[in-house]
Amino acid sequence: MLTLPPLSLYIHIPWCVQKCPYCDFNSHGQNGELPQQAYVDALLADLRLDLGYVQGREIHTIFIGGGTPSLFDAGQIERLLQGVRAMVPFSADIEITMEANPGTLEHDDFAAYRQAGVTRLSIGVQSFSRDKLNLLGRIHDQHEAQTAGLKAAEAGYQSFNLDLMHGLPNQSFDEAMADIDTAAALSPPHLSWYQLTIEPNTLFHSKPPQLPDDEALWHIYEQGQQKLAALGYEQYEISAYAKPGFQCRHNLNYWQFGDYLGIGCGAHGKITLPGQDRILRTVKIKHPKGYLAADDYCFETTEVAEADRALEYLMNRLRLMAPIPKLEFEQRTGQSRDTLSEGMEKGRLRGLLTETQDLWQLTPKGHMFVNDLLSQFC
């Protein structure tokens, strides 16, 4: 039987100084002065129309992503968060993350954003190599990246994350390991470390760069994982590593098939309606001009078909290293654990997972062949 899961809020701010050649997110290069006040007004109006989805819950986490949210000044971020809180109660220990890029931050802004209500920063470093940053189209250099990490550590946030990429154009093994070492020296409680992929509708897709070959990529990944573990970072998700107690709670809610409201240009949401035995996905109007001119911000609402719930749950949940509670599956999908029995047994016989009365747990082999396990439920 479906039960109400925890509720998060995702807020999308779509503008960047310039579009990066690898980025397929809904982001738009800044052209003149940003309509900060009008956009915050629209975000709050957007949330107001979604209040029926709250269903008496508190918001446990907020993630302000983009784009580059740090292009908005701290006063507007504070007005946004105060407006949200006036409509939906916050949990006492709410986690509020904001993405920031080193090239758009003045160092005094760190304290201002914290004063505005942000409790956690996620800083888009990507690399500490000047050459690699230039190839990626980033507007900051390696010194700004290091300074941003140092200032975040000094600013009193509950936590902060550094975003790092590997498998970059012409990247050597030593360069990839040096990025990890440089990041770790800044003592971030959380690191995101993921491989560059070439996505459709990006400049890199139309003009592909020279990337390391598969053997080099595997060597970087395998040795990088060992290095991160030795540095005290526990891998809790495919591309996320944290010191004990510093996992990103917002992302955990995504992967555990929790609920989240999505407001802002192109923002996605996922909502459970237990009384109707329904799970909905929402998408908001994508382009800033259309969004700012709208009275109804929702572009599309679709229902997750009952036949698809198990697969959708697993596509999210199998990103995590932690075991899967069978009760969680039942509560988040409204389906019996027996729905997965045949597929999980095939996976067990292939050495992809182990099973107890209450849990399924992927083996190291299973984490390498997640798609093979998922194919049992397609």
Protein backbone atom coordinates (compact mmCIF):
# COMPACT_ATOMS: atom_id res chain seq x y z
CA MET A 1 0.00 0.00 0.00
CA LEU A 2 1.35 3.44 -0.95
CA THR A 3 2.40 5.65 1.95
CA LEU A 4 3.50 9.28 1.91
CA PRO A 5 7.31 9.49 1.69
CA PRO A 6 9.44 12.44 2.86
CA LEU A 7 9.06 15.66 0.83
CA SER A 8 11.85 17.71 -0.76
CA LEU A 9 11.84 20.82 -2.94
CA TYR A 10 13.92 21.42 -6.05
CA ILE A 11 14.27 25.03 -7.27
CA HIS A 12 15.74 25.65 -10.73
CA ILE A 13 17.50 28.90 -11.65
CA PRO A 14 18.35 28.53 -15.35
CA TRP A 15 20.92 31.22 -16.12
CA CYS A 16 24.70 30.80 -16.50
CA VAL A 17 27.40 33.26 -17.54
CA GLN A 18 27.87 31.02 -20.58
CA LYS A 19 26.81 27.55 -21.66
CA CYS A 20 29.45 24.84 -21.12
CA PRO A 21 30.10 22.57 -24.13
CA TYR A 22 29.30 19.36 -22.20
CA CYS A 23 26.14 20.58 -20.43
CA ASP A 24 22.72 19.21 -21.36
CA PHE A 25 20.88 20.77 -18.41
CA ASN A 26 18.19 23.39 -18.97
CA SER A 27 20.50 26.40 -18.77
CA HIS A 28 20.75 29.64 -20.71
CA GLY A 29 23.64 32.05 -21.13
CA GLN A 30 23.19 35.36 -19.33
CA ASN A 31 22.22 38.16 -21.70
CA GLY A 32 22.04 41.44 -19.86
CA GLU A 33 20.67 41.99 -16.37
CA LEU A 34 18.88 39.01 -14.85
CA PRO A 35 15.20 39.43 -13.88
CA GLN A 36 15.91 38.34 -10.33
CA GLN A 37 12.89 39.89 -8.61
CA ALA A 38 10.43 38.79 -11.30
CA TYR A 39 11.81 35.26 -11.33
CA VAL A 40 11.62 34.88 -7.54
CA ASP A 41 8.03 36.15 -7.72
CA ALA A 42 7.29 33.50 -10.37
CA LEU A 43 8.94 30.74 -8.32
CA LEU A 44 6.75 31.55 -5.32
CA ALA A 45 3.64 31.68 -7.50
CA ASP A 46 4.65 28.32 -9.00
CA LEU A 47 4.96 26.77 -5.55
CA ARG A 48 1.62 28.22 -4.49
CA LEU A 49 -0.08 26.29 -7.32
CA ASP A 50 1.56 23.06 -6.12
CA LEU A 51 0.57 23.35 -2.47
CA GLY A 52 -2.07 20.63 -2.83
CA TYR A 53 0.76 18.14 -3.32
CA VAL A 54 2.25 18.91 0.10
CA GLN A 55 -0.46 16.89 1.91
CA GLY A 56 0.43 18.12 5.38
CA ARG A 57 4.15 17.36 5.17
CA GLU A 58 7.21 19.37 6.13
CA ILE A 59 9.98 20.04 3.64
CA HIS A 60 13.08 18.14 4.75
CA THR A 61 15.50 19.29 2.04
CA ILE A 62 15.75 22.04 -0.58
CA PHE A 63 18.15 22.06 -3.53
CA ILE A 64 18.65 25.26 -5.53
CA GLY A 65 20.21 24.17 -8.80
CA GLY A 66 20.79 25.42 -12.29
CA GLY A 67 22.22 26.97 -14.27
CA THR A 68 24.21 28.99 -11.77
CA PRO A 69 22.11 30.02 -8.76
CA SER A 70 25.01 32.04 -7.35
CA LEU A 71 24.31 34.62 -10.09
CA PHE A 72 21.36 35.67 -7.90
CA ASP A 73 22.27 37.92 -5.00
CA ALA A 74 21.88 36.76 -1.42
CA GLY A 75 18.96 39.12 -0.80
CA GLN A 76 16.87 37.43 -3.48
CA ILE A 77 17.79 33.96 -2.23
CA GLU A 78 16.71 35.01 1.26
CA ARG A 79 13.40 36.39 -0.07
CA LEU A 80 12.85 33.13 -1.95
CA LEU A 81 13.48 30.93 1.07
CA GLN A 82 11.37 33.11 3.36
CA GLY A 83 8.54 32.96 0.82
CA VAL A 84 8.75 29.18 0.64
CA ARG A 85 8.74 28.87 4.41
CA ALA A 86 5.66 31.07 4.66
CA MET A 87 3.77 28.49 2.58
CA VAL A 88 5.25 25.14 3.70
CA PRO A 89 6.77 24.32 7.10
CA PHE A 90 10.45 23.39 7.24
CA SER A 91 11.72 20.48 9.31
CA ALA A 92 13.85 21.54 12.28
CA ASP A 93 17.03 20.13 10.69
CA ILE A 94 16.30 21.10 7.08
CA GLU A 95 19.17 20.80 4.59
CA ILE A 96 19.22 23.68 2.05
CA THR A 97 21.81 23.24 -0.69
CA MET A 98 22.71 25.83 -3.33
CA GLU A 99 24.92 25.22 -6.35
CA ALA A 100 27.66 27.76 -6.95
CA ASN A 101 30.49 28.24 -9.42
CA PRO A 102 33.84 29.66 -8.29
CA GLY A 103 33.84 32.19 -11.13
CA THR A 104 30.56 33.77 -10.02
CA LEU A 105 31.32 34.15 -6.32
CA GLU A 106 32.83 36.99 -4.41
CA HIS A 107 34.27 35.60 -1.21
CA ASP A 108 32.05 37.74 1.01
CA ASP A 109 29.01 36.10 -0.64
CA PHE A 110 29.64 32.83 1.20
CA ALA A 111 28.61 34.32 4.53
CA ALA A 112 25.73 36.23 2.90
CA TYR A 113 24.21 33.09 1.41
CA ARG A 114 24.54 31.30 4.73
CA GLN A 115 22.81 34.24 6.42
CA ALA A 116 20.07 33.97 3.77
CA GLY A 117 19.34 30.43 4.94
CA VAL A 118 21.55 28.21 2.78
CA THR A 119 23.08 25.45 4.93
CA ARG A 120 25.14 23.60 2.32
CA LEU A 121 27.05 24.64 -0.82
CA SER A 122 27.78 22.53 -3.90
CA ILE A 123 30.67 24.11 -5.79
CA GLY A 124 31.17 23.23 -9.46
CA VAL A 125 34.95 22.88 -9.60
CA GLN A 126 35.16 20.06 -12.24
CA SER A 127 38.99 20.19 -12.33
CA PHE A 128 41.99 22.01 -10.87
CA SER A 129 43.87 21.94 -14.18
CA ARG A 130 43.98 25.20 -16.15
CA ASP A 131 44.04 23.32 -19.47
CA LYS A 132 41.10 21.08 -18.57
CA LEU A 133 39.02 24.00 -17.28
CA ASN A 134 39.62 25.83 -20.57
CA LEU A 135 38.58 22.74 -22.57
CA LEU A 136 35.41 22.45 -20.46
CA GLY A 137 34.52 26.10 -21.06
CA ARG A 138 34.62 26.98 -17.37
CA ILE A 139 34.92 30.65 -16.44
CA HIS A 140 37.09 30.07 -13.35
CA ASP A 141 40.73 29.05 -13.03
CA GLN A 142 42.35 26.58 -10.66
CA HIS A 143 43.23 29.27 -8.10
CA GLU A 144 39.62 30.49 -7.88
CA ALA A 145 38.51 26.88 -7.44
CA GLN A 146 40.88 26.35 -4.52
CA THR A 147 39.95 29.68 -2.95
CA ALA A 148 36.25 28.81 -3.18
CA GLY A 149 36.86 25.54 -1.33
CA LEU A 150 38.86 27.27 1.38
CA LYS A 151 36.29 30.03 1.86
CA ALA A 152 33.43 27.52 2.02
CA ALA A 153 35.24 25.66 4.77
CA GLU A 154 35.70 28.91 6.70
CA ALA A 155 32.15 30.22 6.25
CA GLY A 156 30.42 27.99 8.79
CA TYR A 157 28.24 25.85 6.53
CA GLN A 158 26.99 22.55 7.89
CA SER A 159 28.57 20.91 4.85
CA PHE A 160 29.85 21.65 1.37
CA ASN A 161 30.45 19.61 -1.76
CA LEU A 162 33.05 19.88 -4.50
CA ASP A 163 32.00 18.64 -7.94
CA LEU A 164 34.80 16.88 -9.84
CA MET A 165 34.80 15.22 -13.26
CA HIS A 166 37.15 12.59 -14.64
CA GLY A 167 37.71 11.10 -18.08
CA LEU A 168 38.27 14.64 -19.40
CA PRO A 169 39.69 15.38 -22.87
CA ASN A 170 43.29 14.11 -23.05
CA GLN A 171 43.33 13.58 -19.29
CA SER A 172 46.14 11.41 -17.98
CA PHE A 173 45.90 9.11 -14.98
CA ASP A 174 48.21 11.38 -12.97
CA GLU A 175 46.09 14.45 -13.77
CA ALA A 176 42.91 12.69 -12.60
CA MET A 177 44.55 11.60 -9.34
CA ALA A 178 45.98 15.10 -8.79
CA ASP A 179 42.46 16.55 -8.95
CA ILE A 180 41.34 14.20 -6.16
CA ASP A 181 44.38 15.07 -4.04
CA THR A 182 43.87 18.82 -4.51
CA ALA A 183 40.18 18.56 -3.66
CA ALA A 184 40.80 16.42 -0.58
CA ALA A 185 43.37 18.93 0.70
CA LEU A 186 40.49 21.44 1.00
CA SER A 187 38.71 19.02 3.39
CA PRO A 188 35.24 19.00 1.82
CA PRO A 189 32.83 16.77 3.77
CA HIS A 190 31.36 15.64 0.42
CA LEU A 191 32.76 14.99 -3.05
CA SER A 192 30.90 14.28 -6.28
CA TRP A 193 33.26 12.47 -8.68
CA TYR A 194 31.83 11.37 -11.99
CA GLN A 195 32.90 10.61 -15.53
CA LEU A 196 32.40 13.10 -18.34
CA THR A 197 29.83 11.74 -20.78
CA ILE A 198 29.00 13.16 -24.19
CA GLU A 199 25.31 14.01 -24.27
CA PRO A 200 23.06 14.84 -27.25
CA ASN A 201 22.32 18.51 -27.93
CA THR A 202 25.68 19.69 -26.60
CA LEU A 203 28.65 21.25 -28.36
CA PHE A 204 30.79 18.25 -27.42
CA HIS A 205 28.27 16.00 -29.20
CA SER A 206 28.61 17.90 -32.45
CA LYS A 207 32.39 18.34 -32.05
CA PRO A 208 33.55 15.40 -29.90
CA PRO A 209 36.82 15.90 -28.00
CA GLN A 210 39.48 13.21 -27.67
CA LEU A 211 38.65 11.28 -24.49
CA PRO A 212 40.73 8.62 -22.72
CA ASP A 213 40.12 5.08 -24.00
CA ASP A 214 38.10 2.52 -22.04
CA GLU A 215 41.15 0.91 -20.43
CA ALA A 216 42.44 4.28 -19.21
CA LEU A 217 38.96 5.23 -17.95
CA TRP A 218 38.67 2.02 -15.96
CA HIS A 219 42.14 2.50 -14.44
CA ILE A 220 41.23 6.06 -13.38
CA TYR A 221 37.92 4.92 -11.88
CA GLU A 222 39.33 1.90 -10.03
CA GLN A 223 42.33 3.74 -8.57
CA GLY A 224 40.28 6.86 -7.85
CA GLN A 225 37.82 4.85 -5.77
CA GLN A 226 40.66 3.35 -3.77
CA LYS A 227 42.21 6.77 -3.22
CA LEU A 228 38.93 8.29 -2.05
CA ALA A 229 38.36 5.42 0.37
CA ALA A 230 41.88 5.84 1.77
CA LEU A 231 41.15 9.54 2.26
CA GLY A 232 38.11 8.69 4.39
CA TYR A 233 35.37 9.18 1.81
CA GLU A 234 32.67 6.50 1.73
CA GLN A 235 30.97 5.88 -1.62
CA TYR A 236 27.24 5.88 -0.89
CA GLU A 237 25.99 6.43 -4.44
CA ILE A 238 27.37 5.79 -7.93
CA SER A 239 29.11 9.17 -8.14
CA ALA A 240 28.89 10.51 -4.55
CA TYR A 241 31.41 10.16 -1.72
CA ALA A 242 31.13 11.57 1.79
CA LYS A 243 32.75 11.62 5.18
CA PRO A 244 30.56 9.77 7.74
CA GLY A 245 27.33 11.69 8.39
CA PHE A 246 27.70 14.08 5.45
CA GLN A 247 25.75 12.38 2.68
CA CYS A 248 23.56 14.72 0.65
CA ARG A 249 20.12 14.12 2.14
CA HIS A 250 18.37 15.75 -0.80
CA ASN A 251 19.89 13.34 -3.31
CA LEU A 252 19.25 10.40 -0.98
CA ASN A 253 15.56 11.27 -1.10
CA TYR A 254 15.63 11.13 -4.92
CA TRP A 255 17.29 7.72 -5.01
CA GLN A 256 15.03 6.32 -2.29
CA PHE A 257 12.01 7.21 -4.45
CA GLY A 258 10.89 9.98 -2.13
CA ASP A 259 8.68 12.88 -3.20
CA TYR A 260 9.86 16.27 -4.40
CA LEU A 261 8.17 19.39 -5.67
CA GLY A 262 9.92 20.99 -8.63
CA ILE A 263 9.58 24.73 -9.29
CA GLY A 264 11.33 26.88 -11.88
CA CYS A 265 12.10 26.55 -15.59
CA GLY A 266 11.98 22.92 -16.67
CA ALA A 267 11.96 21.65 -13.07
CA HIS A 268 10.79 18.08 -12.53
CA GLY A 269 8.73 16.85 -9.59
CA LYS A 270 7.52 13.48 -8.30
CA ILE A 271 4.46 13.24 -6.07
CA THR A 272 2.70 10.33 -4.32
CA LEU A 273 -1.07 10.44 -3.83
CA PRO A 274 -1.82 7.48 -1.50
CA GLY A 275 -5.57 8.10 -1.32
CA GLN A 276 -5.81 7.80 -5.10
CA ASP A 277 -3.15 5.08 -5.42
CA ARG A 278 -1.26 7.28 -7.89
CA ILE A 279 2.29 8.50 -8.44
CA LEU A 280 2.66 11.62 -10.59
CA ARG A 281 5.57 13.27 -12.36
CA THR A 282 5.44 16.98 -13.18
CA VAL A 283 7.48 19.14 -15.55
CA LYS A 284 7.41 22.94 -15.57
CA ILE A 285 7.64 25.28 -18.58
CA LYS A 286 11.21 25.12 -19.83
CA HIS A 287 12.10 28.49 -21.40
CA PRO A 288 12.54 31.52 -19.10
CA LYS A 289 10.46 33.87 -21.28
CA GLY A 290 7.53 31.48 -21.38
CA TYR A 291 7.86 30.70 -17.69
CA LEU A 292 7.94 34.34 -16.64
CA ALA A 293 4.87 35.13 -18.77
CA ALA A 294 2.82 32.16 -17.52
CA ASP A 295 -0.16 31.99 -15.22
CA ASP A 296 0.07 28.18 -14.96
CA TYR A 297 3.68 27.02 -14.82
CA CYS A 298 3.08 23.29 -15.35
CA PHE A 299 4.01 22.05 -18.82
CA GLU A 300 3.13 18.40 -18.28
CA THR A 301 1.78 16.04 -15.62
CA THR A 302 2.05 12.30 -16.22
CA GLU A 303 1.19 9.28 -14.11
CA VAL A 304 3.66 6.50 -13.37
CA ALA A 305 1.76 3.43 -14.59
CA GLU A 306 1.39 0.71 -11.99
CA ALA A 307 3.25 -1.69 -14.29
CA ASP A 308 6.24 0.70 -14.35
CA ARG A 309 6.51 1.45 -10.62
CA ALA A 310 8.85 -1.40 -9.74
CA LEU A 311 11.30 -0.57 -12.53
CA GLU A 312 11.23 3.17 -11.77
CA TYR A 313 11.88 2.48 -8.10
CA LEU A 314 14.81 0.18 -8.90
CA MET A 315 16.32 2.57 -11.48
CA ASN A 316 16.62 5.09 -8.66
CA ARG A 317 17.31 2.84 -5.66
CA LEU A 318 20.07 0.79 -7.30
CA ARG A 319 22.25 3.91 -7.55
CA LEU A 320 22.80 3.60 -3.79
CA MET A 321 25.31 1.29 -2.13
CA ALA A 322 23.03 0.64 0.87
CA PRO A 323 20.74 -2.42 1.03
CA ILE A 324 17.16 -2.16 -0.24
CA PRO A 325 14.57 -2.66 2.51
CA LYS A 326 11.69 -4.75 1.15
CA LEU A 327 9.25 -2.71 3.25
CA GLU A 328 10.51 0.50 1.60
CA PHE A 329 9.77 -0.98 -1.82
CA GLU A 330 6.21 -1.78 -0.75
CA GLN A 331 5.59 1.65 0.79
CA ARG A 332 7.08 3.64 -2.11
CA THR A 333 5.45 1.65 -4.95
CA GLY A 334 2.27 0.27 -3.38
CA GLN A 335 3.23 -3.20 -4.64
CA SER A 336 4.02 -6.46 -2.89
CA ARG A 337 7.67 -7.44 -2.50
CA ASP A 338 6.69 -10.63 -4.33
CA THR A 339 6.53 -8.50 -7.49
CA LEU A 340 10.34 -8.57 -7.55
CA SER A 341 10.85 -12.15 -6.40
CA GLU A 342 11.48 -13.82 -9.77
CA GLY A 343 13.83 -11.13 -11.09
CA MET A 344 15.75 -10.86 -7.82
CA GLU A 345 16.17 -14.64 -7.65
CA LYS A 346 17.69 -14.65 -11.14
CA GLY A 347 20.05 -11.90 -10.01
CA ARG A 348 20.95 -13.86 -6.88
CA LEU A 349 21.79 -16.97 -8.90
CA ARG A 350 24.11 -14.86 -11.08
CA GLY A 351 25.89 -13.46 -8.04
CA LEU A 352 24.50 -9.93 -8.48
CA LEU A 353 22.83 -9.70 -5.07
CA THR A 354 22.20 -11.37 -1.75
CA GLU A 355 18.87 -11.61 0.05
CA THR A 356 17.60 -11.81 3.62
CA GLN A 357 14.06 -11.86 4.95
CA ASP A 358 13.98 -8.04 5.00
CA LEU A 359 16.64 -6.83 2.54
CA TRP A 360 18.15 -7.12 -0.91
CA GLN A 361 21.82 -6.14 -1.20
CA LEU A 362 23.83 -5.79 -4.40
CA THR A 363 27.20 -7.52 -4.44
CA PRO A 364 30.31 -5.74 -5.84
CA LYS A 365 29.62 -7.61 -9.08
CA GLY A 366 26.00 -6.41 -8.96
CA HIS A 367 27.07 -2.78 -8.70
CA MET A 368 29.10 -3.28 -11.88
CA PHE A 369 26.19 -4.89 -13.76
CA VAL A 370 23.18 -2.92 -12.56
CA ASN A 371 21.72 -2.72 -16.07
CA ASP A 372 21.78 -6.51 -16.33
CA LEU A 373 19.71 -6.74 -13.15
CA LEU A 374 17.32 -4.01 -14.30
CA SER A 375 16.73 -5.90 -17.55
CA GLN A 376 14.92 -8.56 -15.50
CA PHE A 377 12.16 -6.03 -14.77
CA CYS A 378 11.70 -4.38 -18.17
